Amino acid sequence: MRDKMFVTFEVVNATLLQYQHKRLYLAKINLFMKILKALPLAILAVGLYSCEPNDPVDPNDEEVITTLNVELQGVSSTATLSFQDIDGDGGDDPVITVDKLEANQSYSGSLTLFNESEDPAEEITPEIFDEALDHQFFFASTGASSFAYTDQDDDGNPVGLTFDLTTGDAGSESYTITLRHEPNKSATGVSQGDITNAGGETDIEVVFDVTIE
């Protein structure tokens, strides 16, 4: 009888152990299934996070321009007008140099622009050229000198990186050169060089006091 009870106890104990092992196995399977179900959501969340756009960057932000050089090629002479203001508004006075011009002469002109607040200095001219649709120079004179565009953007509108200058009689004049960012080139007078209706933002504006003799 005792032997029979002992065998029964061993059978029950073995059955209990098998039951516990089975429950543990099922629990592991259940956990594994939960992980599998949750994994696509985790991957999706990571994917959505990685696909979130960064803060937008406007490739056509206004340029930082510290230096403007005007090169003039005449029939028998050359001249340079130069403006440099490395520390910007509120700092030291800009350095402006102006060569004398000949009266009643035609010059072929070109502009180069730099940001010399960086080291090394960055030339901005290629950027203006590449974004010609969004830029236009305007020229004004207080005297008889006149300016004419000799370049254009892809829409056939003027840019002003190159131009012709014709001087008047001997005397003193002021030339104002203004670069507008995103002007309305289709507005009245703008394609003829009138800044009145251009709108947009001013990247740089320089006044050169010129002596013509």
N, C-alpha and C. Protein backbone atom coordinates (compact mmCIF):
# COMPACT_ATOMS: atom_id res chain seq x y z
N MET A 1 0.84 -1.20 0.00
CA MET A 1 0.00 0.00 0.00
C MET A 1 0.87 1.25 0.00
N ARG A 2 1.90 1.18 0.86
CA ARG A 2 2.80 2.34 0.92
C ARG A 2 3.52 2.54 -0.40
N ASP A 3 3.90 1.42 -1.01
CA ASP A 3 4.59 1.54 -2.30
C ASP A 3 3.67 2.12 -3.34
N LYS A 4 2.38 1.72 -3.30
CA LYS A 4 1.42 2.23 -4.26
C LYS A 4 1.21 3.72 -4.08
N MET A 5 1.15 4.21 -2.83
CA MET A 5 0.98 5.65 -2.57
C MET A 5 2.21 6.42 -3.04
N PHE A 6 3.39 5.84 -2.84
CA PHE A 6 4.61 6.52 -3.26
C PHE A 6 4.65 6.70 -4.76
N VAL A 7 4.22 5.62 -5.48
CA VAL A 7 4.19 5.72 -6.93
C VAL A 7 3.20 6.76 -7.37
N THR A 8 2.04 6.81 -6.72
CA THR A 8 1.02 7.80 -7.06
C THR A 8 1.53 9.21 -6.84
N PHE A 9 2.26 9.40 -5.74
CA PHE A 9 2.81 10.73 -5.43
C PHE A 9 3.81 11.15 -6.50
N GLU A 10 4.67 10.20 -6.93
CA GLU A 10 5.66 10.52 -7.95
C GLU A 10 4.98 10.89 -9.28
N VAL A 11 3.89 10.17 -9.61
CA VAL A 11 3.17 10.47 -10.84
C VAL A 11 2.55 11.85 -10.78
N VAL A 12 1.93 12.16 -9.63
CA VAL A 12 1.32 13.48 -9.48
C VAL A 12 2.37 14.57 -9.56
N ASN A 13 3.50 14.36 -8.89
CA ASN A 13 4.57 15.35 -8.87
C ASN A 13 5.11 15.58 -10.29
N ALA A 14 5.28 14.48 -11.02
CA ALA A 14 5.76 14.61 -12.39
C ALA A 14 4.76 15.35 -13.26
N THR A 15 3.47 15.03 -13.02
CA THR A 15 2.43 15.72 -13.79
C THR A 15 2.43 17.22 -13.50
N LEU A 16 2.61 17.57 -12.22
CA LEU A 16 2.67 18.99 -11.84
C LEU A 16 3.87 19.68 -12.49
N LEU A 17 5.00 18.98 -12.49
CA LEU A 17 6.18 19.59 -13.10
C LEU A 17 5.97 19.80 -14.60
N GLN A 18 5.34 18.78 -15.23
CA GLN A 18 5.06 18.94 -16.66
C GLN A 18 4.11 20.11 -16.90
N TYR A 19 3.13 20.26 -16.04
CA TYR A 19 2.16 21.35 -16.16
C TYR A 19 2.84 22.71 -16.01
N GLN A 20 3.74 22.80 -14.98
CA GLN A 20 4.45 24.06 -14.77
C GLN A 20 5.35 24.40 -15.97
N HIS A 21 6.04 23.33 -16.47
CA HIS A 21 6.90 23.56 -17.64
C HIS A 21 6.09 24.02 -18.84
N LYS A 22 4.90 23.39 -18.99
CA LYS A 22 4.04 23.76 -20.10
C LYS A 22 3.56 25.20 -19.97
N ARG A 23 3.18 25.61 -18.72
CA ARG A 23 2.74 26.99 -18.50
C ARG A 23 3.88 27.96 -18.78
N LEU A 24 5.08 27.60 -18.31
CA LEU A 24 6.23 28.48 -18.56
C LEU A 24 6.50 28.60 -20.06
N TYR A 25 6.40 27.46 -20.77
CA TYR A 25 6.60 27.45 -22.21
C TYR A 25 5.57 28.32 -22.92
N LEU A 26 4.29 28.15 -22.49
CA LEU A 26 3.22 28.95 -23.10
C LEU A 26 3.40 30.43 -22.80
N ALA A 27 3.86 30.74 -21.58
CA ALA A 27 4.10 32.14 -21.22
C ALA A 27 5.19 32.75 -22.10
N LYS A 28 6.25 31.96 -22.36
CA LYS A 28 7.33 32.45 -23.23
C LYS A 28 6.82 32.67 -24.65
N ILE A 29 6.00 31.68 -25.12
CA ILE A 29 5.43 31.82 -26.46
C ILE A 29 4.56 33.06 -26.54
N ASN A 30 3.75 33.29 -25.49
CA ASN A 30 2.86 34.46 -25.47
C ASN A 30 3.66 35.76 -25.49
N LEU A 31 4.74 35.80 -24.71
CA LEU A 31 5.60 36.99 -24.68
C LEU A 31 6.24 37.22 -26.04
N PHE A 32 6.69 36.13 -26.65
CA PHE A 32 7.31 36.24 -27.96
C PHE A 32 6.33 36.78 -28.99
N MET A 33 5.09 36.30 -28.93
CA MET A 33 4.08 36.76 -29.86
C MET A 33 3.77 38.24 -29.66
N LYS A 34 3.72 38.67 -28.38
CA LYS A 34 3.49 40.08 -28.10
C LYS A 34 4.60 40.96 -28.67
N ILE A 35 5.85 40.46 -28.55
CA ILE A 35 6.99 41.21 -29.08
C ILE A 35 6.89 41.32 -30.60
N LEU A 36 6.49 40.19 -31.24
CA LEU A 36 6.35 40.21 -32.69
C LEU A 36 5.27 41.19 -33.13
N LYS A 37 4.17 41.23 -32.37
CA LYS A 37 3.09 42.14 -32.72
C LYS A 37 3.50 43.60 -32.54
N ALA A 38 4.29 43.85 -31.50
CA ALA A 38 4.69 45.23 -31.20
C ALA A 38 5.81 45.72 -32.12
N LEU A 39 6.59 44.78 -32.68
CA LEU A 39 7.76 45.16 -33.47
C LEU A 39 7.42 46.02 -34.68
N PRO A 40 6.41 45.67 -35.49
CA PRO A 40 6.08 46.56 -36.63
C PRO A 40 5.71 47.97 -36.21
N LEU A 41 5.01 48.11 -35.08
CA LEU A 41 4.65 49.45 -34.61
C LEU A 41 5.90 50.23 -34.22
N ALA A 42 6.85 49.53 -33.57
CA ALA A 42 8.08 50.21 -33.18
C ALA A 42 8.87 50.65 -34.41
N ILE A 43 8.92 49.72 -35.41
CA ILE A 43 9.64 50.07 -36.65
C ILE A 43 8.96 51.23 -37.35
N LEU A 44 7.62 51.21 -37.37
CA LEU A 44 6.87 52.30 -38.00
C LEU A 44 7.12 53.61 -37.30
N ALA A 45 7.15 53.57 -35.96
CA ALA A 45 7.37 54.81 -35.20
C ALA A 45 8.75 55.38 -35.49
N VAL A 46 9.76 54.47 -35.55
CA VAL A 46 11.11 54.94 -35.87
C VAL A 46 11.16 55.51 -37.28
N GLY A 47 10.47 54.83 -38.21
CA GLY A 47 10.45 55.31 -39.59
C GLY A 47 9.80 56.66 -39.71
N LEU A 48 8.66 56.84 -39.00
CA LEU A 48 7.98 58.13 -39.05
C LEU A 48 8.85 59.22 -38.46
N TYR A 49 9.54 58.89 -37.36
CA TYR A 49 10.40 59.90 -36.73
C TYR A 49 11.53 60.29 -37.65
N SER A 50 12.13 59.25 -38.31
CA SER A 50 13.25 59.55 -39.19
C SER A 50 12.82 60.31 -40.43
N CYS A 51 11.51 60.19 -40.78
CA CYS A 51 11.02 60.87 -41.97
C CYS A 51 10.48 62.26 -41.68
N GLU A 52 10.46 62.65 -40.40
CA GLU A 52 9.97 63.99 -40.08
C GLU A 52 10.89 65.02 -40.72
N PRO A 53 10.33 66.03 -41.37
CA PRO A 53 11.19 67.02 -42.03
C PRO A 53 11.93 67.87 -41.03
N ASN A 54 13.15 68.25 -41.41
CA ASN A 54 13.91 69.19 -40.59
C ASN A 54 13.32 70.59 -40.75
N ASP A 55 13.79 71.48 -39.93
CA ASP A 55 13.34 72.86 -40.07
C ASP A 55 13.61 73.33 -41.48
N PRO A 56 12.64 73.93 -42.13
CA PRO A 56 12.83 74.33 -43.52
C PRO A 56 13.95 75.35 -43.67
N VAL A 57 14.72 75.19 -44.72
CA VAL A 57 15.81 76.13 -45.01
C VAL A 57 15.53 76.75 -46.36
N ASP A 58 15.48 78.04 -46.39
CA ASP A 58 15.22 78.75 -47.63
C ASP A 58 16.53 78.91 -48.39
N PRO A 59 16.68 78.25 -49.53
CA PRO A 59 17.93 78.37 -50.26
C PRO A 59 18.17 79.77 -50.80
N ASN A 60 17.11 80.60 -50.79
CA ASN A 60 17.25 81.94 -51.33
C ASN A 60 17.22 83.01 -50.24
N ASP A 61 17.70 82.64 -49.06
CA ASP A 61 17.81 83.65 -48.02
C ASP A 61 18.67 84.81 -48.52
N GLU A 62 18.43 86.02 -47.95
CA GLU A 62 19.21 87.18 -48.35
C GLU A 62 20.70 86.93 -48.06
N GLU A 63 21.51 87.32 -49.02
CA GLU A 63 22.94 87.10 -48.91
C GLU A 63 23.60 88.13 -47.98
N VAL A 64 24.66 87.68 -47.31
CA VAL A 64 25.49 88.60 -46.53
C VAL A 64 26.57 89.14 -47.47
N ILE A 65 26.51 90.43 -47.76
CA ILE A 65 27.45 91.04 -48.70
C ILE A 65 28.17 92.18 -47.99
N THR A 66 29.47 92.06 -47.92
CA THR A 66 30.27 93.10 -47.27
C THR A 66 31.04 93.94 -48.28
N THR A 67 31.19 93.41 -49.50
CA THR A 67 32.08 94.07 -50.46
C THR A 67 31.46 94.06 -51.85
N LEU A 68 31.50 95.21 -52.49
CA LEU A 68 31.02 95.34 -53.86
C LEU A 68 32.11 96.04 -54.68
N ASN A 69 32.52 95.37 -55.75
CA ASN A 69 33.51 95.95 -56.66
C ASN A 69 32.89 96.17 -58.03
N VAL A 70 33.13 97.35 -58.57
CA VAL A 70 32.63 97.71 -59.90
C VAL A 70 33.83 97.91 -60.81
N GLU A 71 33.96 97.06 -61.80
CA GLU A 71 35.06 97.16 -62.75
C GLU A 71 34.54 97.78 -64.04
N LEU A 72 35.18 98.86 -64.50
CA LEU A 72 34.75 99.58 -65.69
C LEU A 72 35.88 99.57 -66.73
N GLN A 73 35.56 99.10 -67.91
CA GLN A 73 36.54 99.03 -69.00
C GLN A 73 36.12 99.99 -70.10
N GLY A 74 36.94 101.06 -70.28
CA GLY A 74 36.67 102.03 -71.33
C GLY A 74 37.49 101.75 -72.57
N VAL A 75 37.36 102.62 -73.54
CA VAL A 75 38.12 102.45 -74.78
C VAL A 75 39.61 102.59 -74.53
N SER A 76 39.98 103.55 -73.71
CA SER A 76 41.41 103.81 -73.50
C SER A 76 41.80 103.81 -72.02
N SER A 77 40.86 103.49 -71.14
CA SER A 77 41.18 103.51 -69.70
C SER A 77 40.25 102.56 -68.95
N THR A 78 40.66 102.27 -67.74
CA THR A 78 39.84 101.44 -66.86
C THR A 78 39.63 102.19 -65.55
N ALA A 79 38.61 101.80 -64.82
CA ALA A 79 38.33 102.43 -63.52
C ALA A 79 37.68 101.39 -62.61
N THR A 80 37.85 101.61 -61.31
CA THR A 80 37.28 100.71 -60.31
C THR A 80 36.57 101.53 -59.24
N LEU A 81 35.37 101.10 -58.90
CA LEU A 81 34.64 101.65 -57.76
C LEU A 81 34.51 100.51 -56.75
N SER A 82 34.87 100.78 -55.51
CA SER A 82 34.91 99.70 -54.53
C SER A 82 34.27 100.12 -53.21
N PHE A 83 33.48 99.21 -52.66
CA PHE A 83 32.84 99.42 -51.35
C PHE A 83 33.15 98.21 -50.49
N GLN A 84 33.59 98.48 -49.23
CA GLN A 84 33.89 97.39 -48.30
C GLN A 84 33.44 97.78 -46.89
N ASP A 85 32.60 96.95 -46.30
CA ASP A 85 32.11 97.19 -44.94
C ASP A 85 32.03 95.85 -44.22
N ILE A 86 33.17 95.38 -43.74
CA ILE A 86 33.27 94.02 -43.21
C ILE A 86 32.46 93.83 -41.94
N ASP A 87 32.41 94.83 -41.07
CA ASP A 87 31.69 94.65 -39.80
C ASP A 87 30.23 95.08 -39.87
N GLY A 88 29.76 95.48 -41.06
CA GLY A 88 28.33 95.76 -41.23
C GLY A 88 27.88 97.05 -40.60
N ASP A 89 26.55 97.22 -40.56
CA ASP A 89 25.96 98.44 -40.01
C ASP A 89 26.30 98.59 -38.53
N GLY A 90 26.57 99.83 -38.15
CA GLY A 90 26.82 100.11 -36.74
C GLY A 90 28.27 99.95 -36.32
N GLY A 91 29.12 99.43 -37.21
CA GLY A 91 30.53 99.28 -36.88
C GLY A 91 31.34 100.43 -37.44
N ASP A 92 32.53 100.10 -37.91
CA ASP A 92 33.38 101.13 -38.52
C ASP A 92 32.75 101.61 -39.83
N ASP A 93 33.13 102.82 -40.23
CA ASP A 93 32.64 103.34 -41.51
C ASP A 93 33.15 102.48 -42.66
N PRO A 94 32.33 102.30 -43.68
CA PRO A 94 32.79 101.53 -44.84
C PRO A 94 33.96 102.22 -45.54
N VAL A 95 34.75 101.42 -46.22
CA VAL A 95 35.86 101.94 -47.01
C VAL A 95 35.40 101.99 -48.46
N ILE A 96 35.37 103.21 -49.02
CA ILE A 96 34.90 103.41 -50.39
C ILE A 96 36.01 104.08 -51.20
N THR A 97 36.36 103.47 -52.31
CA THR A 97 37.36 104.06 -53.21
C THR A 97 36.74 104.19 -54.60
N VAL A 98 37.03 105.33 -55.24
CA VAL A 98 36.42 105.63 -56.53
C VAL A 98 37.48 106.23 -57.46
N ASP A 99 37.70 105.60 -58.61
CA ASP A 99 38.58 106.18 -59.62
C ASP A 99 37.82 107.24 -60.43
N LYS A 100 38.57 108.17 -60.97
CA LYS A 100 37.95 109.19 -61.82
C LYS A 100 37.56 108.59 -63.17
N LEU A 101 36.49 109.13 -63.74
CA LEU A 101 36.00 108.65 -65.03
C LEU A 101 36.19 109.73 -66.09
N GLU A 102 36.26 109.31 -67.33
CA GLU A 102 36.38 110.25 -68.43
C GLU A 102 35.00 110.72 -68.88
N ALA A 103 34.91 111.98 -69.25
CA ALA A 103 33.63 112.54 -69.70
C ALA A 103 33.26 112.00 -71.08
N ASN A 104 31.96 111.81 -71.26
CA ASN A 104 31.39 111.40 -72.54
C ASN A 104 32.07 110.15 -73.11
N GLN A 105 32.21 109.18 -72.23
CA GLN A 105 32.84 107.92 -72.62
C GLN A 105 31.91 106.74 -72.31
N SER A 106 32.11 105.66 -73.02
CA SER A 106 31.35 104.42 -72.76
C SER A 106 32.25 103.41 -72.07
N TYR A 107 31.71 102.79 -71.05
CA TYR A 107 32.43 101.76 -70.28
C TYR A 107 31.60 100.47 -70.26
N SER A 108 32.29 99.36 -70.36
CA SER A 108 31.66 98.07 -70.09
C SER A 108 31.89 97.75 -68.62
N GLY A 109 30.81 97.50 -67.90
CA GLY A 109 30.92 97.31 -66.46
C GLY A 109 30.59 95.89 -66.02
N SER A 110 31.19 95.48 -64.91
CA SER A 110 30.88 94.19 -64.29
C SER A 110 30.98 94.34 -62.78
N LEU A 111 30.19 93.54 -62.08
CA LEU A 111 30.14 93.59 -60.63
C LEU A 111 30.63 92.29 -60.03
N THR A 112 31.37 92.38 -58.94
CA THR A 112 31.71 91.21 -58.13
C THR A 112 31.38 91.54 -56.68
N LEU A 113 30.88 90.53 -55.97
CA LEU A 113 30.42 90.73 -54.60
C LEU A 113 31.04 89.66 -53.70
N PHE A 114 31.34 90.04 -52.46
CA PHE A 114 31.98 89.13 -51.52
C PHE A 114 31.36 89.26 -50.13
N ASN A 115 31.47 88.18 -49.38
CA ASN A 115 31.24 88.21 -47.94
C ASN A 115 32.59 88.02 -47.28
N GLU A 116 33.22 89.14 -46.89
CA GLU A 116 34.55 89.08 -46.30
C GLU A 116 34.51 89.03 -44.78
N SER A 117 33.30 88.83 -44.22
CA SER A 117 33.21 88.62 -42.77
C SER A 117 33.56 87.18 -42.42
N GLU A 118 33.69 86.31 -43.43
CA GLU A 118 34.09 84.93 -43.24
C GLU A 118 35.56 84.76 -43.60
N ASP A 119 36.15 83.71 -43.08
CA ASP A 119 37.56 83.41 -43.37
C ASP A 119 37.66 81.94 -43.80
N PRO A 120 37.95 81.67 -45.06
CA PRO A 120 38.29 82.64 -46.11
C PRO A 120 37.04 83.35 -46.63
N ALA A 121 37.29 84.46 -47.31
CA ALA A 121 36.18 85.25 -47.86
C ALA A 121 35.41 84.42 -48.89
N GLU A 122 34.10 84.64 -48.94
CA GLU A 122 33.23 83.92 -49.87
C GLU A 122 32.77 84.87 -50.97
N GLU A 123 33.00 84.47 -52.22
CA GLU A 123 32.49 85.28 -53.32
C GLU A 123 31.02 84.97 -53.54
N ILE A 124 30.20 86.01 -53.57
CA ILE A 124 28.75 85.86 -53.69
C ILE A 124 28.30 85.94 -55.15
N THR A 125 29.16 86.43 -56.02
CA THR A 125 28.78 86.62 -57.43
C THR A 125 28.19 85.36 -58.07
N PRO A 126 28.83 84.18 -57.91
CA PRO A 126 28.25 82.98 -58.54
C PRO A 126 26.85 82.66 -58.00
N GLU A 127 26.62 82.94 -56.74
CA GLU A 127 25.30 82.69 -56.16
C GLU A 127 24.25 83.60 -56.80
N ILE A 128 24.62 84.86 -57.00
CA ILE A 128 23.70 85.79 -57.66
C ILE A 128 23.41 85.32 -59.09
N PHE A 129 24.45 84.85 -59.77
CA PHE A 129 24.30 84.35 -61.14
C PHE A 129 23.37 83.14 -61.18
N ASP A 130 23.59 82.19 -60.24
CA ASP A 130 22.77 80.97 -60.22
C ASP A 130 21.32 81.26 -59.87
N GLU A 131 21.10 82.31 -59.07
CA GLU A 131 19.74 82.67 -58.65
C GLU A 131 19.30 83.96 -59.34
N ALA A 132 19.64 84.07 -60.62
CA ALA A 132 19.38 85.30 -61.36
C ALA A 132 17.90 85.65 -61.40
N LEU A 133 17.04 84.64 -61.42
CA LEU A 133 15.59 84.92 -61.45
C LEU A 133 15.13 85.67 -60.21
N ASP A 134 15.88 85.54 -59.12
CA ASP A 134 15.49 86.15 -57.84
C ASP A 134 16.29 87.40 -57.50
N HIS A 135 17.06 87.92 -58.45
CA HIS A 135 17.90 89.09 -58.16
C HIS A 135 17.89 90.06 -59.34
N GLN A 136 18.05 91.33 -58.98
CA GLN A 136 18.24 92.36 -60.01
C GLN A 136 18.94 93.56 -59.38
N PHE A 137 19.95 94.06 -60.09
CA PHE A 137 20.62 95.30 -59.71
C PHE A 137 19.90 96.47 -60.35
N PHE A 138 19.91 97.57 -59.63
CA PHE A 138 19.34 98.82 -60.15
C PHE A 138 20.40 99.90 -60.05
N PHE A 139 20.47 100.73 -61.09
CA PHE A 139 21.49 101.77 -61.18
C PHE A 139 20.80 103.12 -61.31
N ALA A 140 21.33 104.09 -60.58
CA ALA A 140 20.78 105.45 -60.66
C ALA A 140 21.93 106.45 -60.61
N SER A 141 21.74 107.57 -61.27
CA SER A 141 22.75 108.63 -61.28
C SER A 141 22.08 109.96 -61.04
N THR A 142 22.80 110.84 -60.32
CA THR A 142 22.26 112.19 -60.08
C THR A 142 22.62 113.13 -61.22
N GLY A 143 23.38 112.65 -62.21
CA GLY A 143 23.78 113.49 -63.34
C GLY A 143 23.35 112.91 -64.67
N ALA A 144 24.16 113.13 -65.68
CA ALA A 144 23.80 112.75 -67.04
C ALA A 144 24.25 111.34 -67.40
N SER A 145 24.99 110.65 -66.53
CA SER A 145 25.44 109.29 -66.83
C SER A 145 24.24 108.36 -66.93
N SER A 146 24.36 107.35 -67.81
CA SER A 146 23.27 106.40 -67.99
C SER A 146 23.81 104.97 -67.97
N PHE A 147 22.95 104.06 -67.55
CA PHE A 147 23.31 102.64 -67.44
C PHE A 147 22.37 101.81 -68.32
N ALA A 148 22.89 100.71 -68.87
CA ALA A 148 22.07 99.80 -69.68
C ALA A 148 22.48 98.36 -69.36
N TYR A 149 21.51 97.51 -69.11
CA TYR A 149 21.79 96.11 -68.81
C TYR A 149 22.35 95.40 -70.04
N THR A 150 23.29 94.48 -69.81
CA THR A 150 23.83 93.66 -70.90
C THR A 150 23.72 92.17 -70.58
N ASP A 151 22.97 91.81 -69.55
CA ASP A 151 22.74 90.41 -69.23
C ASP A 151 21.27 90.19 -68.92
N GLN A 152 20.86 88.95 -68.81
CA GLN A 152 19.47 88.64 -68.51
C GLN A 152 19.35 87.27 -67.86
N ASP A 153 18.22 87.04 -67.18
CA ASP A 153 17.97 85.74 -66.57
C ASP A 153 17.29 84.81 -67.58
N ASP A 154 16.89 83.63 -67.12
CA ASP A 154 16.29 82.65 -68.02
C ASP A 154 14.93 83.09 -68.56
N ASP A 155 14.31 84.06 -67.92
CA ASP A 155 13.03 84.58 -68.40
C ASP A 155 13.20 85.79 -69.31
N GLY A 156 14.45 86.16 -69.59
CA GLY A 156 14.70 87.31 -70.45
C GLY A 156 14.67 88.64 -69.74
N ASN A 157 14.64 88.63 -68.41
CA ASN A 157 14.65 89.87 -67.64
C ASN A 157 16.07 90.22 -67.21
N PRO A 158 16.37 91.49 -66.99
CA PRO A 158 17.74 91.90 -66.66
C PRO A 158 18.16 91.45 -65.27
N VAL A 159 19.48 91.31 -65.11
CA VAL A 159 20.08 90.98 -63.81
C VAL A 159 20.97 92.13 -63.34
N GLY A 160 21.96 92.50 -64.15
CA GLY A 160 22.79 93.65 -63.82
C GLY A 160 24.20 93.32 -63.38
N LEU A 161 24.58 92.05 -63.44
CA LEU A 161 25.98 91.73 -63.12
C LEU A 161 26.92 92.31 -64.16
N THR A 162 26.42 92.48 -65.39
CA THR A 162 27.17 93.21 -66.42
C THR A 162 26.27 94.29 -67.00
N PHE A 163 26.90 95.38 -67.45
CA PHE A 163 26.13 96.54 -67.92
C PHE A 163 27.04 97.46 -68.71
N ASP A 164 26.44 98.40 -69.39
CA ASP A 164 27.18 99.47 -70.06
C ASP A 164 26.91 100.78 -69.32
N LEU A 165 27.95 101.57 -69.16
CA LEU A 165 27.84 102.89 -68.55
C LEU A 165 28.31 103.94 -69.56
N THR A 166 27.51 104.96 -69.74
CA THR A 166 27.90 106.08 -70.59
C THR A 166 27.91 107.34 -69.74
N THR A 167 29.07 107.99 -69.66
CA THR A 167 29.19 109.18 -68.83
C THR A 167 28.74 110.42 -69.60
N GLY A 168 28.44 111.48 -68.83
CA GLY A 168 28.07 112.75 -69.42
C GLY A 168 29.24 113.71 -69.42
N ASP A 169 28.93 114.97 -69.37
CA ASP A 169 29.98 115.99 -69.34
C ASP A 169 30.74 115.95 -68.02
N ALA A 170 31.86 116.67 -68.00
CA ALA A 170 32.69 116.72 -66.79
C ALA A 170 31.90 117.31 -65.64
N GLY A 171 32.17 116.78 -64.45
CA GLY A 171 31.47 117.26 -63.26
C GLY A 171 31.46 116.18 -62.19
N SER A 172 30.60 116.36 -61.21
CA SER A 172 30.48 115.40 -60.11
C SER A 172 29.07 114.79 -60.11
N GLU A 173 29.02 113.49 -59.90
CA GLU A 173 27.75 112.77 -59.83
C GLU A 173 27.81 111.74 -58.71
N SER A 174 26.65 111.25 -58.34
CA SER A 174 26.56 110.12 -57.40
C SER A 174 25.87 108.96 -58.11
N TYR A 175 26.54 107.81 -58.08
CA TYR A 175 25.94 106.59 -58.62
C TYR A 175 25.42 105.75 -57.45
N THR A 176 24.18 105.33 -57.54
CA THR A 176 23.61 104.43 -56.53
C THR A 176 23.38 103.07 -57.18
N ILE A 177 23.96 102.04 -56.57
CA ILE A 177 23.79 100.67 -57.05
C ILE A 177 23.08 99.87 -55.96
N THR A 178 21.95 99.29 -56.33
CA THR A 178 21.11 98.57 -55.37
C THR A 178 20.85 97.16 -55.88
N LEU A 179 21.02 96.17 -55.01
CA LEU A 179 20.69 94.79 -55.34
C LEU A 179 19.41 94.40 -54.59
N ARG A 180 18.38 94.03 -55.35
CA ARG A 180 17.12 93.60 -54.75
C ARG A 180 16.99 92.08 -54.84
N HIS A 181 16.55 91.49 -53.72
CA HIS A 181 16.29 90.06 -53.63
C HIS A 181 14.80 89.82 -53.84
N GLU A 182 14.49 88.93 -54.78
CA GLU A 182 13.11 88.59 -55.14
C GLU A 182 12.28 89.82 -55.51
N PRO A 183 12.75 90.63 -56.44
CA PRO A 183 11.95 91.75 -56.93
C PRO A 183 10.85 91.24 -57.86
N ASN A 184 9.87 92.06 -58.07
CA ASN A 184 8.81 91.73 -59.04
C ASN A 184 9.27 92.25 -60.40
N LYS A 185 9.89 91.38 -61.17
CA LYS A 185 10.48 91.81 -62.43
C LYS A 185 9.45 92.12 -63.50
N SER A 186 8.22 91.68 -63.27
CA SER A 186 7.17 91.96 -64.25
C SER A 186 6.42 93.25 -63.94
N ALA A 187 6.76 93.90 -62.82
CA ALA A 187 6.08 95.15 -62.48
C ALA A 187 6.49 96.27 -63.44
N THR A 188 5.69 97.27 -63.50
CA THR A 188 5.90 98.38 -64.44
C THR A 188 7.26 99.03 -64.24
N GLY A 189 8.03 99.11 -65.31
CA GLY A 189 9.31 99.82 -65.30
C GLY A 189 10.48 99.03 -64.77
N VAL A 190 10.24 97.90 -64.11
CA VAL A 190 11.34 97.18 -63.45
C VAL A 190 12.35 96.65 -64.46
N SER A 191 11.87 96.07 -65.54
CA SER A 191 12.79 95.52 -66.54
C SER A 191 13.59 96.60 -67.26
N GLN A 192 13.13 97.85 -67.15
CA GLN A 192 13.89 98.98 -67.71
C GLN A 192 14.83 99.60 -66.68
N GLY A 193 14.87 99.02 -65.48
CA GLY A 193 15.80 99.50 -64.47
C GLY A 193 15.21 100.47 -63.48
N ASP A 194 13.87 100.67 -63.50
CA ASP A 194 13.22 101.56 -62.55
C ASP A 194 12.89 100.76 -61.28
N ILE A 195 13.45 101.16 -60.15
CA ILE A 195 13.30 100.42 -58.90
C ILE A 195 11.97 100.70 -58.19
N THR A 196 11.22 101.69 -58.67
CA THR A 196 10.03 102.18 -57.96
C THR A 196 9.06 101.05 -57.59
N ASN A 197 8.75 100.18 -58.54
CA ASN A 197 7.75 99.13 -58.31
C ASN A 197 8.37 97.75 -58.11
N ALA A 198 9.66 97.72 -57.84
CA ALA A 198 10.36 96.43 -57.79
C ALA A 198 9.98 95.59 -56.58
N GLY A 199 9.77 96.23 -55.45
CA GLY A 199 9.51 95.46 -54.22
C GLY A 199 10.72 94.63 -53.85
N GLY A 200 10.48 93.50 -53.16
CA GLY A 200 11.59 92.66 -52.73
C GLY A 200 12.35 93.25 -51.56
N GLU A 201 13.48 92.61 -51.23
CA GLU A 201 14.33 93.05 -50.12
C GLU A 201 15.67 93.50 -50.66
N THR A 202 16.24 94.53 -50.02
CA THR A 202 17.53 95.06 -50.45
C THR A 202 18.66 94.25 -49.83
N ASP A 203 19.47 93.61 -50.68
CA ASP A 203 20.64 92.88 -50.19
C ASP A 203 21.79 93.85 -49.90
N ILE A 204 21.98 94.83 -50.78
CA ILE A 204 23.02 95.84 -50.57
C ILE A 204 22.67 97.06 -51.40
N GLU A 205 23.00 98.23 -50.88
CA GLU A 205 22.83 99.48 -51.60
C GLU A 205 24.03 100.37 -51.31
N VAL A 206 24.68 100.84 -52.37
CA VAL A 206 25.91 101.60 -52.22
C VAL A 206 25.82 102.87 -53.06
N VAL A 207 26.30 103.96 -52.49
CA VAL A 207 26.38 105.23 -53.22
C VAL A 207 27.85 105.58 -53.44
N PHE A 208 28.22 105.76 -54.70
CA PHE A 208 29.56 106.18 -55.07
C PHE A 208 29.54 107.61 -55.57
N ASP A 209 30.35 108.46 -54.95
CA ASP A 209 30.50 109.83 -55.41
C ASP A 209 31.62 109.87 -56.46
N VAL A 210 31.23 110.21 -57.67
CA VAL A 210 32.13 110.06 -58.82
C VAL A 210 32.51 111.42 -59.39
N THR A 211 33.79 111.51 -59.75
CA THR A 211 34.29 112.70 -60.46
C THR A 211 34.52 112.35 -61.92
N ILE A 212 33.92 113.14 -62.79
CA ILE A 212 34.05 112.92 -64.23
C ILE A 212 34.81 114.10 -64.82
N GLU A 213 35.85 113.79 -65.57
CA GLU A 213 36.68 114.90 -66.10
C GLU A 213 37.20 114.59 -67.51
